[in-house]
Amino acid sequence: MRWFLLLVLLPGLALAGVAKHVKHKHWTNDYDRHFRKYTKHYFGPHFDWHWFKAQGIAESGLRPNANSPAGARGLMQILPSTFEEIKEKNPHFTNIEDPRWNIAAGIFYDRM
């Protein structure tokens, strides 16, 4: 019974930590509308978009011009080859450098 209780409570406790960190004034909220929109679109209205913002923080520090040594680019650190695969299913994702499309592609790819 204790293990069951822990399994039920642990995700909520983890989310509380993520949301607190993501909402810290250190991080910009410039991209929040994109995180909200594409989380809702690909995961539904009840999924917390803060998880994806936390991913963006971990991947790039929310820097839209971030480039990794491996060639990953943007807020969500997507490889250009992966972005091209995503664009095959979403031709309106026009530019890996655009924060909107980088976030949308990252969330879409997480869904896949």
C-alpha atoms as a PDB file:
ATOM      1  CA  MET A   1       0.000   0.000   0.000  1.00  0.00           C
ATOM      2  CA  ARG A   2       2.833   2.414   0.776  1.00  0.00           C
ATOM      3  CA  TRP A   3       4.370   1.819  -2.646  1.00  0.00           C
ATOM      4  CA  PHE A   4       1.064   2.480  -4.336  1.00  0.00           C
ATOM      5  CA  LEU A   5       0.641   5.724  -2.427  1.00  0.00           C
ATOM      6  CA  LEU A   6       4.168   6.769  -3.381  1.00  0.00           C
ATOM      7  CA  LEU A   7       3.499   6.006  -7.064  1.00  0.00           C
ATOM      8  CA  VAL A   8       0.349   8.106  -6.955  1.00  0.00           C
ATOM      9  CA  LEU A   9       1.925  11.076  -5.162  1.00  0.00           C
ATOM     10  CA  LEU A  10       5.360  11.143  -6.788  1.00  0.00           C
ATOM     11  CA  PRO A  11       4.306  12.539 -10.199  1.00  0.00           C
ATOM     12  CA  GLY A  12       2.420  15.382  -8.532  1.00  0.00           C
ATOM     13  CA  LEU A  13       5.384  16.211  -6.326  1.00  0.00           C
ATOM     14  CA  ALA A  14       7.729  16.124  -9.299  1.00  0.00           C
ATOM     15  CA  LEU A  15       5.431  18.398 -11.280  1.00  0.00           C
ATOM     16  CA  ALA A  16       5.303  20.882  -8.417  1.00  0.00           C
ATOM     17  CA  GLY A  17       9.109  21.107  -8.554  1.00  0.00           C
ATOM     18  CA  VAL A  18       9.134  21.501 -12.339  1.00  0.00           C
ATOM     19  CA  ALA A  19       6.449  24.185 -12.336  1.00  0.00           C
ATOM     20  CA  LYS A  20       8.218  26.131  -9.583  1.00  0.00           C
ATOM     21  CA  HIS A  21      11.529  26.064 -11.468  1.00  0.00           C
ATOM     22  CA  VAL A  22       9.983  26.886 -14.851  1.00  0.00           C
ATOM     23  CA  LYS A  23       8.049  29.837 -13.420  1.00  0.00           C
ATOM     24  CA  HIS A  24      11.148  31.374 -11.839  1.00  0.00           C
ATOM     25  CA  LYS A  25      11.732  34.970 -12.945  1.00  0.00           C
ATOM     26  CA  HIS A  26      15.142  33.939 -14.334  1.00  0.00           C
ATOM     27  CA  TRP A  27      13.410  32.259 -17.309  1.00  0.00           C
ATOM     28  CA  THR A  28      11.712  34.304 -19.990  1.00  0.00           C
ATOM     29  CA  ASN A  29       8.016  33.844 -20.639  1.00  0.00           C
ATOM     30  CA  ASP A  30       8.378  35.022 -24.256  1.00  0.00           C
ATOM     31  CA  TYR A  31       7.710  31.529 -25.608  1.00  0.00           C
ATOM     32  CA  ASP A  32       5.045  30.387 -23.145  1.00  0.00           C
ATOM     33  CA  ARG A  33       2.227  30.916 -25.651  1.00  0.00           C
ATOM     34  CA  HIS A  34       3.928  28.473 -28.042  1.00  0.00           C
ATOM     35  CA  PHE A  35       4.530  25.907 -25.313  1.00  0.00           C
ATOM     36  CA  ARG A  36       0.862  26.197 -24.268  1.00  0.00           C
ATOM     37  CA  LYS A  37      -0.526  26.052 -27.798  1.00  0.00           C
ATOM     38  CA  TYR A  38       1.442  23.072 -29.063  1.00  0.00           C
ATOM     39  CA  THR A  39       1.147  21.107 -25.823  1.00  0.00           C
ATOM     40  CA  LYS A  40      -2.623  21.485 -26.042  1.00  0.00           C
ATOM     41  CA  HIS A  41      -2.600  20.585 -29.742  1.00  0.00           C
ATOM     42  CA  TYR A  42      -0.482  17.430 -29.442  1.00  0.00           C
ATOM     43  CA  PHE A  43      -1.208  16.280 -25.876  1.00  0.00           C
ATOM     44  CA  GLY A  44      -4.643  17.715 -25.062  1.00  0.00           C
ATOM     45  CA  PRO A  45      -5.865  20.471 -22.771  1.00  0.00           C
ATOM     46  CA  HIS A  46      -5.114  18.663 -19.512  1.00  0.00           C
ATOM     47  CA  PHE A  47      -1.399  18.066 -20.091  1.00  0.00           C
ATOM     48  CA  ASP A  48       0.848  20.552 -18.290  1.00  0.00           C
ATOM     49  CA  TRP A  49       2.863  22.582 -20.805  1.00  0.00           C
ATOM     50  CA  HIS A  50       5.492  23.343 -18.159  1.00  0.00           C
ATOM     51  CA  TRP A  51       7.076  19.940 -18.863  1.00  0.00           C
ATOM     52  CA  PHE A  52       8.012  21.080 -22.365  1.00  0.00           C
ATOM     53  CA  LYS A  53       9.251  24.450 -21.182  1.00  0.00           C
ATOM     54  CA  ALA A  54      11.431  22.540 -18.711  1.00  0.00           C
ATOM     55  CA  GLN A  55      12.734  20.515 -21.644  1.00  0.00           C
ATOM     56  CA  GLY A  56      13.558  23.739 -23.486  1.00  0.00           C
ATOM     57  CA  ILE A  57      15.371  25.025 -20.404  1.00  0.00           C
ATOM     58  CA  ALA A  58      17.366  21.799 -20.136  1.00  0.00           C
ATOM     59  CA  GLU A  59      18.161  21.643 -23.844  1.00  0.00           C
ATOM     60  CA  SER A  60      19.077  25.253 -24.612  1.00  0.00           C
ATOM     61  CA  GLY A  61      18.488  27.486 -21.605  1.00  0.00           C
ATOM     62  CA  LEU A  62      15.597  28.865 -23.718  1.00  0.00           C
ATOM     63  CA  ARG A  63      18.068  30.359 -26.190  1.00  0.00           C
ATOM     64  CA  PRO A  64      16.531  30.297 -29.670  1.00  0.00           C
ATOM     65  CA  ASN A  65      19.952  30.554 -31.341  1.00  0.00           C
ATOM     66  CA  ALA A  66      21.514  27.638 -29.409  1.00  0.00           C
ATOM     67  CA  ASN A  67      23.604  25.223 -31.466  1.00  0.00           C
ATOM     68  CA  SER A  68      25.109  22.025 -30.130  1.00  0.00           C
ATOM     69  CA  PRO A  69      28.423  20.507 -31.247  1.00  0.00           C
ATOM     70  CA  ALA A  70      26.364  17.664 -32.727  1.00  0.00           C
ATOM     71  CA  GLY A  71      24.431  20.147 -34.881  1.00  0.00           C
ATOM     72  CA  ALA A  72      21.158  20.327 -32.940  1.00  0.00           C
ATOM     73  CA  ARG A  73      19.563  23.749 -33.185  1.00  0.00           C
ATOM     74  CA  GLY A  74      17.138  26.038 -31.448  1.00  0.00           C
ATOM     75  CA  LEU A  75      15.227  26.060 -28.196  1.00  0.00           C
ATOM     76  CA  MET A  76      14.370  22.370 -28.327  1.00  0.00           C
ATOM     77  CA  GLN A  77      17.735  21.314 -29.830  1.00  0.00           C
ATOM     78  CA  ILE A  78      16.466  19.508 -32.909  1.00  0.00           C
ATOM     79  CA  LEU A  79      18.796  18.084 -35.512  1.00  0.00           C
ATOM     80  CA  PRO A  80      18.148  19.455 -39.009  1.00  0.00           C
ATOM     81  CA  SER A  81      17.609  15.910 -40.318  1.00  0.00           C
ATOM     82  CA  THR A  82      14.981  15.287 -37.627  1.00  0.00           C
ATOM     83  CA  PHE A  83      13.314  18.610 -38.443  1.00  0.00           C
ATOM     84  CA  GLU A  84      13.094  17.533 -42.094  1.00  0.00           C
ATOM     85  CA  GLU A  85      11.386  14.273 -41.041  1.00  0.00           C
ATOM     86  CA  ILE A  86       8.935  16.241 -38.907  1.00  0.00           C
ATOM     87  CA  LYS A  87       8.268  18.644 -41.808  1.00  0.00           C
ATOM     88  CA  GLU A  88       7.176  15.707 -43.983  1.00  0.00           C
ATOM     89  CA  LYS A  89       4.169  15.311 -41.678  1.00  0.00           C
ATOM     90  CA  ASN A  90       3.860  19.047 -40.907  1.00  0.00           C
ATOM     91  CA  PRO A  91       4.825  21.021 -44.029  1.00  0.00           C
ATOM     92  CA  HIS A  92       3.768  24.279 -42.363  1.00  0.00           C
ATOM     93  CA  PHE A  93       6.738  23.980 -39.951  1.00  0.00           C
ATOM     94  CA  THR A  94       8.824  26.267 -42.087  1.00  0.00           C
ATOM     95  CA  ASN A  95      12.017  27.134 -40.246  1.00  0.00           C
ATOM     96  CA  ILE A  96      14.026  25.313 -37.591  1.00  0.00           C
ATOM     97  CA  GLU A  97      15.445  28.675 -36.454  1.00  0.00           C
ATOM     98  CA  ASP A  98      12.002  30.163 -35.701  1.00  0.00           C
ATOM     99  CA  PRO A  99      11.228  29.557 -31.988  1.00  0.00           C
ATOM    100  CA  ARG A 100       7.568  28.873 -32.775  1.00  0.00           C
ATOM    101  CA  TRP A 101       8.303  26.063 -35.210  1.00  0.00           C
ATOM    102  CA  ASN A 102      11.209  24.725 -33.176  1.00  0.00           C
ATOM    103  CA  ILE A 103       8.957  24.393 -30.126  1.00  0.00           C
ATOM    104  CA  ALA A 104       6.120  22.922 -32.193  1.00  0.00           C
ATOM    105  CA  ALA A 105       8.486  20.394 -33.761  1.00  0.00           C
ATOM    106  CA  GLY A 106       9.991  19.453 -30.402  1.00  0.00           C
ATOM    107  CA  ILE A 107       6.585  18.835 -28.843  1.00  0.00           C
ATOM    108  CA  PHE A 108       5.370  16.971 -31.925  1.00  0.00           C
ATOM    109  CA  TYR A 109       8.470  14.777 -31.828  1.00  0.00           C
ATOM    110  CA  ASP A 110       7.903  14.060 -28.123  1.00  0.00           C
ATOM    111  CA  ARG A 111       4.397  12.925 -29.056  1.00  0.00           C
ATOM    112  CA  MET A 112       5.775  10.603 -31.698  1.00  0.00           C
END
